[in-house]
Amino acid sequence: MSEIERMREMYKRQKAGWDYIDAERRAALPLTDTVAMLPLFNTSFEYSKTLPPRLESGFTAFYAALSRVKK
């Protein structure tokens, strides 16, 4: 099998995998309960405040700002 054929076969397998994952995601969307998920997000935000800040990331400031808004 040539290099090009191997690459085409790999691409075909990857595409099939992505199609499968996308179908799974789309099937789960109607089952998602946003209202039930909000408290879980709040837990994640609170946990993020306990982690040490990383100078290269703006997420810490973002989560801190979100936690101030909710109060």
Protein backbone atom coordinates (compact mmCIF):
# COMPACT_ATOMS: atom_id res chain seq x y z
CA MET A 1 0.00 0.00 0.00
CA SER A 2 1.44 3.37 -0.97
CA GLU A 3 1.76 6.38 1.31
CA ILE A 4 -1.11 8.14 -0.48
CA GLU A 5 -3.38 5.12 -0.11
CA ARG A 6 -2.55 4.89 3.61
CA MET A 7 -3.34 8.57 4.05
CA ARG A 8 -6.65 8.20 2.21
CA GLU A 9 -7.59 5.21 4.34
CA MET A 10 -6.67 7.08 7.52
CA TYR A 11 -8.72 10.09 6.41
CA LYS A 12 -11.69 7.82 5.65
CA ARG A 13 -11.50 6.26 9.15
CA GLN A 14 -11.18 9.69 10.78
CA LYS A 15 -14.16 11.02 8.86
CA ALA A 16 -16.25 8.02 9.89
CA GLY A 17 -15.27 8.63 13.51
CA TRP A 18 -16.13 12.32 13.36
CA ASP A 19 -19.47 11.51 11.71
CA TYR A 20 -20.23 9.04 14.51
CA ILE A 21 -19.30 11.55 17.23
CA ASP A 22 -21.40 14.26 15.58
CA ALA A 23 -24.41 11.93 15.38
CA GLU A 24 -23.99 11.10 19.09
CA ARG A 25 -23.79 14.80 19.97
CA ARG A 26 -26.88 15.65 17.95
CA ALA A 27 -28.84 12.78 19.53
CA ALA A 28 -27.94 14.04 23.02
CA LEU A 29 -28.96 17.67 22.41
CA PRO A 30 -32.72 17.17 22.94
CA LEU A 31 -31.98 15.32 26.19
CA THR A 32 -29.94 18.18 27.64
CA ASP A 33 -31.56 19.95 30.59
CA THR A 34 -29.97 23.40 30.77
CA VAL A 35 -31.70 24.37 34.01
CA ALA A 36 -30.34 21.28 35.75
CA MET A 37 -26.83 22.02 34.48
CA LEU A 38 -26.60 25.59 35.83
CA PRO A 39 -25.81 24.55 39.43
CA LEU A 40 -23.03 22.32 38.09
CA PHE A 41 -21.53 25.27 36.24
CA ASN A 42 -21.68 27.29 39.45
CA THR A 43 -19.76 24.52 41.23
CA SER A 44 -17.10 24.67 38.53
CA PHE A 45 -16.82 28.44 38.85
CA GLU A 46 -16.44 28.20 42.63
CA TYR A 47 -13.79 25.49 42.25
CA SER A 48 -11.86 27.60 39.75
CA LYS A 49 -11.45 30.31 42.39
CA THR A 50 -9.55 27.86 44.61
CA LEU A 51 -6.90 27.21 41.96
CA PRO A 52 -3.76 29.32 41.77
CA PRO A 53 -3.86 31.94 39.01
CA ARG A 54 -1.92 31.29 35.85
CA LEU A 55 -0.36 34.38 34.36
CA GLU A 56 -0.82 33.12 30.79
CA SER A 57 -4.56 32.49 31.18
CA GLY A 58 -7.46 34.94 31.32
CA PHE A 59 -9.90 32.29 32.52
CA THR A 60 -9.18 32.92 36.19
CA ALA A 61 -10.20 36.57 35.91
CA PHE A 62 -13.19 35.56 33.79
CA TYR A 63 -14.47 33.07 36.39
CA ALA A 64 -13.84 35.50 39.23
CA ALA A 65 -15.87 38.15 37.39
CA LEU A 66 -18.67 35.65 36.79
CA SER A 67 -18.78 34.70 40.46
CA ARG A 68 -19.07 38.38 41.43
CA VAL A 69 -21.98 38.87 39.01
CA LYS A 70 -23.99 36.02 40.50
CA LYS A 71 -23.86 37.51 44.04
